[in-house]
Amino acid sequence: MSYVSGFSAAVPQANRKTYVDYARVAADYFRANGALRVVECWEEDVPDGKVTSFPMAVKRQNGEAILFSWIEWPDRATAHACFEKMGKEPLFDPATNPMPFDGQRMIWGGFEMVLDV
């Protein structure tokens, strides 16, 4: 089965278009470097929790929306090779092309797919 990189972050609602534009460029990069699918989702129904929740995980602040996204890869090696290459790519240098959200509050991880129905 495939390998999935998953992400969640809090994005200022005022930056929605900027984020989508940024994500589109990143998606093209990921696809060019082996990604099978890139999915970006914008908060629509994300409740606050008492013990745990998406808003708590990314420390959502007033005026921010939750982003939930994932990238499907053929395997872990392809994902890791892309991210390693991306770290050296000027297009993603935060000094010249800053992310439209606070990357320090982004949660992410890699997952082995175990069921796909």
PDB file of N, CA and C in Angstrom:
ATOM      1  N   MET A   1       0.832  -1.194   0.000  1.00  0.00           N
ATOM      2  CA  MET A   1       0.000   0.000   0.000  1.00  0.00           C
ATOM      3  C   MET A   1       0.872   1.251   0.000  1.00  0.00           C
ATOM      4  N   SER A   2       0.239   2.365  -0.242  1.00  0.00           N
ATOM      5  CA  SER A   2       0.911   3.652  -0.335  1.00  0.00           C
ATOM      6  C   SER A   2       1.362   4.170   1.032  1.00  0.00           C
ATOM      7  N   TYR A   3       2.102   5.247   0.974  1.00  0.00           N
ATOM      8  CA  TYR A   3       2.579   5.979   2.152  1.00  0.00           C
ATOM      9  C   TYR A   3       1.925   7.353   2.096  1.00  0.00           C
ATOM     10  N   VAL A   4       1.524   7.880   3.263  1.00  0.00           N
ATOM     11  CA  VAL A   4       0.833   9.165   3.312  1.00  0.00           C
ATOM     12  C   VAL A   4       1.557  10.116   4.262  1.00  0.00           C
ATOM     13  N   SER A   5       1.779  11.341   3.815  1.00  0.00           N
ATOM     14  CA  SER A   5       2.266  12.420   4.669  1.00  0.00           C
ATOM     15  C   SER A   5       1.045  13.259   5.024  1.00  0.00           C
ATOM     16  N   GLY A   6       0.786  13.428   6.322  1.00  0.00           N
ATOM     17  CA  GLY A   6      -0.376  14.187   6.758  1.00  0.00           C
ATOM     18  C   GLY A   6       0.029  15.442   7.501  1.00  0.00           C
ATOM     19  N   PHE A   7      -0.770  16.493   7.358  1.00  0.00           N
ATOM     20  CA  PHE A   7      -0.459  17.794   7.945  1.00  0.00           C
ATOM     21  C   PHE A   7      -1.716  18.470   8.468  1.00  0.00           C
ATOM     22  N   SER A   8      -1.565  19.240   9.516  1.00  0.00           N
ATOM     23  CA  SER A   8      -2.620  20.133   9.977  1.00  0.00           C
ATOM     24  C   SER A   8      -1.957  21.398  10.507  1.00  0.00           C
ATOM     25  N   ALA A   9      -2.600  22.532  10.247  1.00  0.00           N
ATOM     26  CA  ALA A   9      -2.052  23.818  10.681  1.00  0.00           C
ATOM     27  C   ALA A   9      -3.196  24.803  10.865  1.00  0.00           C
ATOM     28  N   ALA A  10      -2.909  25.890  11.561  1.00  0.00           N
ATOM     29  CA  ALA A  10      -3.846  27.005  11.694  1.00  0.00           C
ATOM     30  C   ALA A  10      -3.396  28.096  10.736  1.00  0.00           C
ATOM     31  N   VAL A  11      -4.298  28.512   9.864  1.00  0.00           N
ATOM     32  CA  VAL A  11      -3.983  29.511   8.844  1.00  0.00           C
ATOM     33  C   VAL A  11      -4.887  30.728   9.053  1.00  0.00           C
ATOM     34  N   PRO A  12      -4.320  31.922   9.080  1.00  0.00           N
ATOM     35  CA  PRO A  12      -5.191  33.101   9.180  1.00  0.00           C
ATOM     36  C   PRO A  12      -6.239  33.082   8.069  1.00  0.00           C
ATOM     37  N   GLN A  13      -7.497  33.287   8.443  1.00  0.00           N
ATOM     38  CA  GLN A  13      -8.566  33.258   7.451  1.00  0.00           C
ATOM     39  C   GLN A  13      -8.332  34.266   6.334  1.00  0.00           C
ATOM     40  N   ALA A  14      -7.706  35.378   6.661  1.00  0.00           N
ATOM     41  CA  ALA A  14      -7.404  36.396   5.650  1.00  0.00           C
ATOM     42  C   ALA A  14      -6.378  35.906   4.630  1.00  0.00           C
ATOM     43  N   ASN A  15      -5.661  34.828   4.945  1.00  0.00           N
ATOM     44  CA  ASN A  15      -4.625  34.295   4.051  1.00  0.00           C
ATOM     45  C   ASN A  15      -5.114  33.106   3.221  1.00  0.00           C
ATOM     46  N   ARG A  16      -6.423  32.876   3.183  1.00  0.00           N
ATOM     47  CA  ARG A  16      -6.924  31.691   2.477  1.00  0.00           C
ATOM     48  C   ARG A  16      -6.436  31.640   1.027  1.00  0.00           C
ATOM     49  N   LYS A  17      -6.646  32.709   0.259  1.00  0.00           N
ATOM     50  CA  LYS A  17      -6.224  32.705  -1.146  1.00  0.00           C
ATOM     51  C   LYS A  17      -4.713  32.543  -1.254  1.00  0.00           C
ATOM     52  N   THR A  18      -3.975  33.262  -0.415  1.00  0.00           N
ATOM     53  CA  THR A  18      -2.517  33.150  -0.430  1.00  0.00           C
ATOM     54  C   THR A  18      -2.092  31.717  -0.131  1.00  0.00           C
ATOM     55  N   TYR A  19      -2.773  31.084   0.844  1.00  0.00           N
ATOM     56  CA  TYR A  19      -2.449  29.699   1.175  1.00  0.00           C
ATOM     57  C   TYR A  19      -2.744  28.768  -0.004  1.00  0.00           C
ATOM     58  N   VAL A  20      -3.904  28.916  -0.614  1.00  0.00           N
ATOM     59  CA  VAL A  20      -4.269  28.041  -1.736  1.00  0.00           C
ATOM     60  C   VAL A  20      -3.275  28.213  -2.880  1.00  0.00           C
ATOM     61  N   ASP A  21      -2.870  29.447  -3.160  1.00  0.00           N
ATOM     62  CA  ASP A  21      -1.867  29.689  -4.204  1.00  0.00           C
ATOM     63  C   ASP A  21      -0.547  29.004  -3.849  1.00  0.00           C
ATOM     64  N   TYR A  22      -0.126  29.145  -2.599  1.00  0.00           N
ATOM     65  CA  TYR A  22       1.115  28.513  -2.119  1.00  0.00           C
ATOM     66  C   TYR A  22       0.993  26.987  -2.231  1.00  0.00           C
ATOM     67  N   ALA A  23      -0.147  26.464  -1.811  1.00  0.00           N
ATOM     68  CA  ALA A  23      -0.370  25.015  -1.833  1.00  0.00           C
ATOM     69  C   ALA A  23      -0.375  24.479  -3.262  1.00  0.00           C
ATOM     70  N   ARG A  24      -0.906  25.248  -4.189  1.00  0.00           N
ATOM     71  CA  ARG A  24      -0.928  24.816  -5.589  1.00  0.00           C
ATOM     72  C   ARG A  24       0.494  24.671  -6.132  1.00  0.00           C
ATOM     73  N   VAL A  25       1.355  25.623  -5.816  1.00  0.00           N
ATOM     74  CA  VAL A  25       2.759  25.540  -6.234  1.00  0.00           C
ATOM     75  C   VAL A  25       3.425  24.317  -5.587  1.00  0.00           C
ATOM     76  N   ALA A  26       3.170  24.135  -4.293  1.00  0.00           N
ATOM     77  CA  ALA A  26       3.751  22.987  -3.590  1.00  0.00           C
ATOM     78  C   ALA A  26       3.231  21.677  -4.167  1.00  0.00           C
ATOM     79  N   ALA A  27       1.938  21.610  -4.485  1.00  0.00           N
ATOM     80  CA  ALA A  27       1.355  20.390  -5.047  1.00  0.00           C
ATOM     81  C   ALA A  27       2.024  20.046  -6.378  1.00  0.00           C
ATOM     82  N   ASP A  28       2.242  21.042  -7.216  1.00  0.00           N
ATOM     83  CA  ASP A  28       2.937  20.793  -8.481  1.00  0.00           C
ATOM     84  C   ASP A  28       4.330  20.238  -8.226  1.00  0.00           C
ATOM     85  N   TYR A  29       5.011  20.794  -7.223  1.00  0.00           N
ATOM     86  CA  TYR A  29       6.351  20.320  -6.869  1.00  0.00           C
ATOM     87  C   TYR A  29       6.297  18.873  -6.378  1.00  0.00           C
ATOM     88  N   PHE A  30       5.358  18.587  -5.482  1.00  0.00           N
ATOM     89  CA  PHE A  30       5.232  17.224  -4.954  1.00  0.00           C
ATOM     90  C   PHE A  30       4.931  16.236  -6.074  1.00  0.00           C
ATOM     91  N   ARG A  31       3.999  16.595  -6.957  1.00  0.00           N
ATOM     92  CA  ARG A  31       3.653  15.696  -8.067  1.00  0.00           C
ATOM     93  C   ARG A  31       4.854  15.467  -8.979  1.00  0.00           C
ATOM     94  N   ALA A  32       5.620  16.512  -9.237  1.00  0.00           N
ATOM     95  CA  ALA A  32       6.801  16.379 -10.088  1.00  0.00           C
ATOM     96  C   ALA A  32       7.875  15.513  -9.434  1.00  0.00           C
ATOM     97  N   ASN A  33       7.771  15.347  -8.112  1.00  0.00           N
ATOM     98  CA  ASN A  33       8.766  14.565  -7.382  1.00  0.00           C
ATOM     99  C   ASN A  33       8.185  13.265  -6.815  1.00  0.00           C
ATOM    100  N   GLY A  34       7.137  12.758  -7.450  1.00  0.00           N
ATOM    101  CA  GLY A  34       6.665  11.421  -7.137  1.00  0.00           C
ATOM    102  C   GLY A  34       5.349  11.283  -6.406  1.00  0.00           C
ATOM    103  N   ALA A  35       4.740  12.370  -5.933  1.00  0.00           N
ATOM    104  CA  ALA A  35       3.462  12.250  -5.226  1.00  0.00           C
ATOM    105  C   ALA A  35       2.386  11.759  -6.184  1.00  0.00           C
ATOM    106  N   LEU A  36       1.529  10.896  -5.680  1.00  0.00           N
ATOM    107  CA  LEU A  36       0.427  10.375  -6.466  1.00  0.00           C
ATOM    108  C   LEU A  36      -0.809  11.269  -6.369  1.00  0.00           C
ATOM    109  N   ARG A  37      -0.960  11.907  -5.221  1.00  0.00           N
ATOM    110  CA  ARG A  37      -2.148  12.716  -4.949  1.00  0.00           C
ATOM    111  C   ARG A  37      -1.822  13.724  -3.866  1.00  0.00           C
ATOM    112  N   VAL A  38      -2.344  14.938  -3.997  1.00  0.00           N
ATOM    113  CA  VAL A  38      -2.185  15.977  -2.988  1.00  0.00           C
ATOM    114  C   VAL A  38      -3.578  16.535  -2.693  1.00  0.00           C
ATOM    115  N   VAL A  39      -3.955  16.535  -1.411  1.00  0.00           N
ATOM    116  CA  VAL A  39      -5.288  16.988  -1.010  1.00  0.00           C
ATOM    117  C   VAL A  39      -5.133  18.072   0.054  1.00  0.00           C
ATOM    118  N   GLU A  40      -5.792  19.197  -0.154  1.00  0.00           N
ATOM    119  CA  GLU A  40      -5.797  20.309   0.792  1.00  0.00           C
ATOM    120  C   GLU A  40      -7.236  20.569   1.215  1.00  0.00           C
ATOM    121  N   CYS A  41      -7.489  20.650   2.510  1.00  0.00           N
ATOM    122  CA  CYS A  41      -8.842  20.857   3.016  1.00  0.00           C
ATOM    123  C   CYS A  41      -8.852  22.046   3.980  1.00  0.00           C
ATOM    124  N   TRP A  42      -9.860  22.904   3.843  1.00  0.00           N
ATOM    125  CA  TRP A  42     -10.025  24.102   4.669  1.00  0.00           C
ATOM    126  C   TRP A  42     -11.155  23.863   5.662  1.00  0.00           C
ATOM    127  N   GLU A  43     -10.953  24.260   6.884  1.00  0.00           N
ATOM    128  CA  GLU A  43     -11.932  24.076   7.956  1.00  0.00           C
ATOM    129  C   GLU A  43     -13.344  24.474   7.539  1.00  0.00           C
ATOM    130  N   GLU A  44     -14.279  23.584   7.859  1.00  0.00           N
ATOM    131  CA  GLU A  44     -15.688  23.912   7.703  1.00  0.00           C
ATOM    132  C   GLU A  44     -16.461  23.563   8.975  1.00  0.00           C
ATOM    133  N   ASP A  45     -16.133  22.445   9.589  1.00  0.00           N
ATOM    134  CA  ASP A  45     -16.821  22.016  10.806  1.00  0.00           C
ATOM    135  C   ASP A  45     -15.787  21.368  11.728  1.00  0.00           C
ATOM    136  N   VAL A  46     -15.052  22.197  12.449  1.00  0.00           N
ATOM    137  CA  VAL A  46     -13.969  21.720  13.316  1.00  0.00           C
ATOM    138  C   VAL A  46     -14.209  22.255  14.727  1.00  0.00           C
ATOM    139  N   PRO A  47     -14.838  21.443  15.570  1.00  0.00           N
ATOM    140  CA  PRO A  47     -15.192  21.925  16.911  1.00  0.00           C
ATOM    141  C   PRO A  47     -13.990  22.006  17.856  1.00  0.00           C
ATOM    142  N   ASP A  48     -14.124  22.876  18.837  1.00  0.00           N
ATOM    143  CA  ASP A  48     -13.154  22.916  19.924  1.00  0.00           C
ATOM    144  C   ASP A  48     -13.363  21.671  20.774  1.00  0.00           C
ATOM    145  N   GLY A  49     -12.295  21.190  21.390  1.00  0.00           N
ATOM    146  CA  GLY A  49     -12.406  20.018  22.246  1.00  0.00           C
ATOM    147  C   GLY A  49     -12.154  20.357  23.695  1.00  0.00           C
ATOM    148  N   LYS A  50     -12.431  19.406  24.566  1.00  0.00           N
ATOM    149  CA  LYS A  50     -12.153  19.582  25.990  1.00  0.00           C
ATOM    150  C   LYS A  50     -10.855  18.896  26.379  1.00  0.00           C
ATOM    151  N   VAL A  51     -10.539  17.790  25.724  1.00  0.00           N
ATOM    152  CA  VAL A  51      -9.322  17.039  26.038  1.00  0.00           C
ATOM    153  C   VAL A  51      -8.327  17.132  24.886  1.00  0.00           C
ATOM    154  N   THR A  52      -8.833  16.962  23.655  1.00  0.00           N
ATOM    155  CA  THR A  52      -7.990  17.048  22.470  1.00  0.00           C
ATOM    156  C   THR A  52      -8.847  17.452  21.271  1.00  0.00           C
ATOM    157  N   SER A  53      -8.239  18.087  20.308  1.00  0.00           N
ATOM    158  CA  SER A  53      -8.951  18.517  19.107  1.00  0.00           C
ATOM    159  C   SER A  53      -7.941  19.085  18.114  1.00  0.00           C
ATOM    160  N   PHE A  54      -8.392  19.260  16.889  1.00  0.00           N
ATOM    161  CA  PHE A  54      -7.540  19.926  15.913  1.00  0.00           C
ATOM    162  C   PHE A  54      -7.181  21.344  16.372  1.00  0.00           C
ATOM    163  N   PRO A  55      -8.151  22.151  16.817  1.00  0.00           N
ATOM    164  CA  PRO A  55      -7.792  23.507  17.262  1.00  0.00           C
ATOM    165  C   PRO A  55      -6.749  23.502  18.381  1.00  0.00           C
ATOM    166  N   MET A  56      -6.864  22.568  19.310  1.00  0.00           N
ATOM    167  CA  MET A  56      -5.889  22.500  20.401  1.00  0.00           C
ATOM    168  C   MET A  56      -4.520  22.062  19.881  1.00  0.00           C
ATOM    169  N   ALA A  57      -4.513  21.121  18.952  1.00  0.00           N
ATOM    170  CA  ALA A  57      -3.248  20.580  18.441  1.00  0.00           C
ATOM    171  C   ALA A  57      -2.402  21.647  17.754  1.00  0.00           C
ATOM    172  N   VAL A  58      -3.060  22.554  17.032  1.00  0.00           N
ATOM    173  CA  VAL A  58      -2.318  23.592  16.303  1.00  0.00           C
ATOM    174  C   VAL A  58      -2.395  24.956  16.979  1.00  0.00           C
ATOM    175  N   LYS A  59      -2.988  24.983  18.180  1.00  0.00           N
ATOM    176  CA  LYS A  59      -3.117  26.221  18.952  1.00  0.00           C
ATOM    177  C   LYS A  59      -3.786  27.330  18.140  1.00  0.00           C
ATOM    178  N   ARG A  60      -4.948  26.979  17.578  1.00  0.00           N
ATOM    179  CA  ARG A  60      -5.695  27.942  16.766  1.00  0.00           C
ATOM    180  C   ARG A  60      -5.994  29.204  17.570  1.00  0.00           C
ATOM    181  N   GLN A  61      -5.819  30.341  16.918  1.00  0.00           N
ATOM    182  CA  GLN A  61      -6.107  31.636  17.520  1.00  0.00           C
ATOM    183  C   GLN A  61      -7.314  32.254  16.816  1.00  0.00           C
ATOM    184  N   ASN A  62      -7.879  33.292  17.405  1.00  0.00           N
ATOM    185  CA  ASN A  62      -9.005  33.989  16.764  1.00  0.00           C
ATOM    186  C   ASN A  62      -8.618  34.416  15.357  1.00  0.00           C
ATOM    187  N   GLY A  63      -9.531  34.228  14.426  1.00  0.00           N
ATOM    188  CA  GLY A  63      -9.282  34.636  13.048  1.00  0.00           C
ATOM    189  C   GLY A  63      -8.532  33.613  12.224  1.00  0.00           C
ATOM    190  N   GLU A  64      -8.311  32.426  12.771  1.00  0.00           N
ATOM    191  CA  GLU A  64      -7.597  31.380  12.034  1.00  0.00           C
ATOM    192  C   GLU A  64      -8.537  30.226  11.704  1.00  0.00           C
ATOM    193  N   ALA A  65      -8.221  29.526  10.643  1.00  0.00           N
ATOM    194  CA  ALA A  65      -8.950  28.333  10.228  1.00  0.00           C
ATOM    195  C   ALA A  65      -7.987  27.151  10.253  1.00  0.00           C
ATOM    196  N   ILE A  66      -8.549  25.968  10.441  1.00  0.00           N
ATOM    197  CA  ILE A  66      -7.742  24.749  10.461  1.00  0.00           C
ATOM    198  C   ILE A  66      -7.589  24.217   9.041  1.00  0.00           C
ATOM    199  N   LEU A  67      -6.377  23.844   8.708  1.00  0.00           N
ATOM    200  CA  LEU A  67      -6.032  23.212   7.449  1.00  0.00           C
ATOM    201  C   LEU A  67      -5.763  21.738   7.739  1.00  0.00           C
ATOM    202  N   PHE A  68      -6.267  20.877   6.910  1.00  0.00           N
ATOM    203  CA  PHE A  68      -5.996  19.443   7.010  1.00  0.00           C
ATOM    204  C   PHE A  68      -5.614  18.983   5.616  1.00  0.00           C
ATOM    205  N   SER A  69      -4.439  18.401   5.470  1.00  0.00           N
ATOM    206  CA  SER A  69      -4.004  18.001   4.137  1.00  0.00           C
ATOM    207  C   SER A  69      -3.204  16.712   4.200  1.00  0.00           C
ATOM    208  N   TRP A  70      -3.128  16.071   3.049  1.00  0.00           N
ATOM    209  CA  TRP A  70      -2.304  14.877   2.963  1.00  0.00           C
ATOM    210  C   TRP A  70      -1.779  14.705   1.547  1.00  0.00           C
ATOM    211  N   ILE A  71      -0.672  13.995   1.489  1.00  0.00           N
ATOM    212  CA  ILE A  71      -0.030  13.686   0.217  1.00  0.00           C
ATOM    213  C   ILE A  71       0.125  12.179   0.163  1.00  0.00           C
ATOM    214  N   GLU A  72      -0.334  11.585  -0.915  1.00  0.00           N
ATOM    215  CA  GLU A  72      -0.165  10.147  -1.098  1.00  0.00           C
ATOM    216  C   GLU A  72       1.059   9.901  -1.976  1.00  0.00           C
ATOM    217  N   TRP A  73       1.891   8.999  -1.519  1.00  0.00           N
ATOM    218  CA  TRP A  73       3.142   8.645  -2.205  1.00  0.00           C
ATOM    219  C   TRP A  73       3.134   7.151  -2.542  1.00  0.00           C
ATOM    220  N   PRO A  74       3.927   6.748  -3.513  1.00  0.00           N
ATOM    221  CA  PRO A  74       4.010   5.316  -3.783  1.00  0.00           C
ATOM    222  C   PRO A  74       4.687   4.559  -2.640  1.00  0.00           C
ATOM    223  N   ASP A  75       5.585   5.260  -1.921  1.00  0.00           N
ATOM    224  CA  ASP A  75       6.300   4.629  -0.810  1.00  0.00           C
ATOM    225  C   ASP A  75       6.992   5.701   0.028  1.00  0.00           C
ATOM    226  N   ARG A  76       7.480   5.279   1.183  1.00  0.00           N
ATOM    227  CA  ARG A  76       8.138   6.192   2.121  1.00  0.00           C
ATOM    228  C   ARG A  76       9.403   6.801   1.528  1.00  0.00           C
ATOM    229  N   ALA A  77      10.171   6.005   0.805  1.00  0.00           N
ATOM    230  CA  ALA A  77      11.436   6.488   0.238  1.00  0.00           C
ATOM    231  C   ALA A  77      11.202   7.662  -0.714  1.00  0.00           C
ATOM    232  N   THR A  78      10.144   7.587  -1.521  1.00  0.00           N
ATOM    233  CA  THR A  78       9.845   8.679  -2.449  1.00  0.00           C
ATOM    234  C   THR A  78       9.488   9.958  -1.686  1.00  0.00           C
ATOM    235  N   ALA A  79       8.692   9.806  -0.638  1.00  0.00           N
ATOM    236  CA  ALA A  79       8.317  10.972   0.175  1.00  0.00           C
ATOM    237  C   ALA A  79       9.545  11.609   0.811  1.00  0.00           C
ATOM    238  N   HIS A  80      10.379  10.794   1.424  1.00  0.00           N
ATOM    239  CA  HIS A  80      11.561  11.328   2.103  1.00  0.00           C
ATOM    240  C   HIS A  80      12.521  11.987   1.120  1.00  0.00           C
ATOM    241  N   ALA A  81      12.676  11.395  -0.058  1.00  0.00           N
ATOM    242  CA  ALA A  81      13.561  11.991  -1.069  1.00  0.00           C
ATOM    243  C   ALA A  81      13.027  13.350  -1.509  1.00  0.00           C
ATOM    244  N   CYS A  82      11.711  13.460  -1.685  1.00  0.00           N
ATOM    245  CA  CYS A  82      11.113  14.742  -2.090  1.00  0.00           C
ATOM    246  C   CYS A  82      11.322  15.800  -1.015  1.00  0.00           C
ATOM    247  N   PHE A  83      11.046  15.453   0.250  1.00  0.00           N
ATOM    248  CA  PHE A  83      11.184  16.445   1.315  1.00  0.00           C
ATOM    249  C   PHE A  83      12.639  16.857   1.523  1.00  0.00           C
ATOM    250  N   GLU A  84      13.555  15.922   1.343  1.00  0.00           N
ATOM    251  CA  GLU A  84      14.972  16.279   1.461  1.00  0.00           C
ATOM    252  C   GLU A  84      15.361  17.254   0.353  1.00  0.00           C
ATOM    253  N   LYS A  85      14.921  16.975  -0.852  1.00  0.00           N
ATOM    254  CA  LYS A  85      15.192  17.863  -1.985  1.00  0.00           C
ATOM    255  C   LYS A  85      14.513  19.222  -1.783  1.00  0.00           C
ATOM    256  N   MET A  86      13.298  19.198  -1.242  1.00  0.00           N
ATOM    257  CA  MET A  86      12.534  20.427  -1.024  1.00  0.00           C
ATOM    258  C   MET A  86      13.254  21.370  -0.061  1.00  0.00           C
ATOM    259  N   GLY A  87      13.948  20.796   0.927  1.00  0.00           N
ATOM    260  CA  GLY A  87      14.685  21.599   1.893  1.00  0.00           C
ATOM    261  C   GLY A  87      15.794  22.433   1.269  1.00  0.00           C
ATOM    262  N   LYS A  88      16.217  22.054   0.062  1.00  0.00           N
ATOM    263  CA  LYS A  88      17.275  22.774  -0.642  1.00  0.00           C
ATOM    264  C   LYS A  88      16.725  23.613  -1.792  1.00  0.00           C
ATOM    265  N   GLU A  89      15.414  23.595  -1.970  1.00  0.00           N
ATOM    266  CA  GLU A  89      14.773  24.278  -3.089  1.00  0.00           C
ATOM    267  C   GLU A  89      14.528  25.750  -2.755  1.00  0.00           C
ATOM    268  N   PRO A  90      15.118  26.685  -3.527  1.00  0.00           N
ATOM    269  CA  PRO A  90      14.919  28.116  -3.266  1.00  0.00           C
ATOM    270  C   PRO A  90      13.445  28.532  -3.261  1.00  0.00           C
ATOM    271  N   LEU A  91      12.624  27.847  -4.027  1.00  0.00           N
ATOM    272  CA  LEU A  91      11.202  28.158  -4.090  1.00  0.00           C
ATOM    273  C   LEU A  91      10.534  28.069  -2.719  1.00  0.00           C
ATOM    274  N   PHE A  92      11.065  27.226  -1.829  1.00  0.00           N
ATOM    275  CA  PHE A  92      10.468  27.033  -0.512  1.00  0.00           C
ATOM    276  C   PHE A  92      11.319  27.608   0.619  1.00  0.00           C
ATOM    277  N   ASP A  93      12.216  28.504   0.283  1.00  0.00           N
ATOM    278  CA  ASP A  93      13.033  29.174   1.286  1.00  0.00           C
ATOM    279  C   ASP A  93      12.174  30.220   2.002  1.00  0.00           C
ATOM    280  N   PRO A  94      11.930  30.052   3.305  1.00  0.00           N
ATOM    281  CA  PRO A  94      11.053  30.993   4.009  1.00  0.00           C
ATOM    282  C   PRO A  94      11.559  32.434   4.006  1.00  0.00           C
ATOM    283  N   ALA A  95      12.847  32.628   3.771  1.00  0.00           N
ATOM    284  CA  ALA A  95      13.389  33.993   3.738  1.00  0.00           C
ATOM    285  C   ALA A  95      12.895  34.748   2.502  1.00  0.00           C
ATOM    286  N   THR A  96      12.662  34.024   1.399  1.00  0.00           N
ATOM    287  CA  THR A  96      12.232  34.676   0.166  1.00  0.00           C
ATOM    288  C   THR A  96      10.783  34.365  -0.199  1.00  0.00           C
ATOM    289  N   ASN A  97      10.237  33.286   0.339  1.00  0.00           N
ATOM    290  CA  ASN A  97       8.859  32.886   0.045  1.00  0.00           C
ATOM    291  C   ASN A  97       8.232  32.333   1.324  1.00  0.00           C
ATOM    292  N   PRO A  98       7.869  33.209   2.260  1.00  0.00           N
ATOM    293  CA  PRO A  98       7.370  32.740   3.554  1.00  0.00           C
ATOM    294  C   PRO A  98       6.040  31.993   3.435  1.00  0.00           C
ATOM    295  N   MET A  99       5.876  30.998   4.304  1.00  0.00           N
ATOM    296  CA  MET A  99       4.607  30.278   4.365  1.00  0.00           C
ATOM    297  C   MET A  99       3.535  31.238   4.888  1.00  0.00           C
ATOM    298  N   PRO A 100       2.308  31.117   4.394  1.00  0.00           N
ATOM    299  CA  PRO A 100       1.248  32.028   4.834  1.00  0.00           C
ATOM    300  C   PRO A 100       0.579  31.594   6.147  1.00  0.00           C
ATOM    301  N   PHE A 101       1.356  30.964   7.026  1.00  0.00           N
ATOM    302  CA  PHE A 101       0.877  30.539   8.341  1.00  0.00           C
ATOM    303  C   PHE A 101       2.090  30.293   9.219  1.00  0.00           C
ATOM    304  N   ASP A 102       1.863  30.079  10.495  1.00  0.00           N
ATOM    305  CA  ASP A 102       2.943  29.830  11.453  1.00  0.00           C
ATOM    306  C   ASP A 102       3.330  28.353  11.403  1.00  0.00           C
ATOM    307  N   GLY A 103       4.410  28.058  10.725  1.00  0.00           N
ATOM    308  CA  GLY A 103       4.862  26.679  10.557  1.00  0.00           C
ATOM    309  C   GLY A 103       5.246  25.988  11.858  1.00  0.00           C
ATOM    310  N   GLN A 104       5.525  26.755  12.892  1.00  0.00           N
ATOM    311  CA  GLN A 104       5.884  26.152  14.179  1.00  0.00           C
ATOM    312  C   GLN A 104       4.685  25.469  14.830  1.00  0.00           C
ATOM    313  N   ARG A 105       3.479  25.844  14.422  1.00  0.00           N
ATOM    314  CA  ARG A 105       2.277  25.227  14.991  1.00  0.00           C
ATOM    315  C   ARG A 105       1.688  24.156  14.076  1.00  0.00           C
ATOM    316  N   MET A 106       2.380  23.830  13.011  1.00  0.00           N
ATOM    317  CA  MET A 106       1.925  22.773  12.111  1.00  0.00           C
ATOM    318  C   MET A 106       2.268  21.419  12.722  1.00  0.00           C
ATOM    319  N   ILE A 107       1.334  20.483  12.643  1.00  0.00           N
ATOM    320  CA  ILE A 107       1.637  19.111  13.033  1.00  0.00           C
ATOM    321  C   ILE A 107       1.688  18.283  11.759  1.00  0.00           C
ATOM    322  N   TRP A 108       2.557  17.303  11.733  1.00  0.00           N
ATOM    323  CA  TRP A 108       2.712  16.494  10.528  1.00  0.00           C
ATOM    324  C   TRP A 108       3.287  15.138  10.903  1.00  0.00           C
ATOM    325  N   GLY A 109       3.172  14.226   9.986  1.00  0.00           N
ATOM    326  CA  GLY A 109       3.734  12.901  10.190  1.00  0.00           C
ATOM    327  C   GLY A 109       3.572  12.064   8.938  1.00  0.00           C
ATOM    328  N   GLY A 110       4.259  10.937   8.912  1.00  0.00           N
ATOM    329  CA  GLY A 110       4.184   9.996   7.821  1.00  0.00           C
ATOM    330  C   GLY A 110       3.501   8.727   8.291  1.00  0.00           C
ATOM    331  N   PHE A 111       2.672   8.169   7.424  1.00  0.00           N
ATOM    332  CA  PHE A 111       1.837   7.033   7.801  1.00  0.00           C
ATOM    333  C   PHE A 111       1.828   5.960   6.731  1.00  0.00           C
ATOM    334  N   GLU A 112       1.908   4.727   7.174  1.00  0.00           N
ATOM    335  CA  GLU A 112       1.731   3.598   6.275  1.00  0.00           C
ATOM    336  C   GLU A 112       0.224   3.384   6.107  1.00  0.00           C
ATOM    337  N   MET A 113      -0.230   3.313   4.888  1.00  0.00           N
ATOM    338  CA  MET A 113      -1.646   3.071   4.649  1.00  0.00           C
ATOM    339  C   MET A 113      -1.937   1.597   4.949  1.00  0.00           C
ATOM    340  N   VAL A 114      -2.951   1.341   5.754  1.00  0.00           N
ATOM    341  CA  VAL A 114      -3.296  -0.036   6.109  1.00  0.00           C
ATOM    342  C   VAL A 114      -4.687  -0.438   5.621  1.00  0.00           C
ATOM    343  N   LEU A 115      -5.496   0.536   5.193  1.00  0.00           N
ATOM    344  CA  LEU A 115      -6.821   0.244   4.650  1.00  0.00           C
ATOM    345  C   LEU A 115      -7.207   1.350   3.700  1.00  0.00           C
ATOM    346  N   ASP A 116      -7.711   0.974   2.538  1.00  0.00           N
ATOM    347  CA  ASP A 116      -8.161   1.953   1.539  1.00  0.00           C
ATOM    348  C   ASP A 116      -9.350   1.319   0.831  1.00  0.00           C
ATOM    349  N   VAL A 117     -10.570   1.736   1.228  1.00  0.00           N
ATOM    350  CA  VAL A 117     -11.773   1.140   0.640  1.00  0.00           C
ATOM    351  C   VAL A 117     -12.614   2.166  -0.081  1.00  0.00           C
TER     352      VAL A 117
END
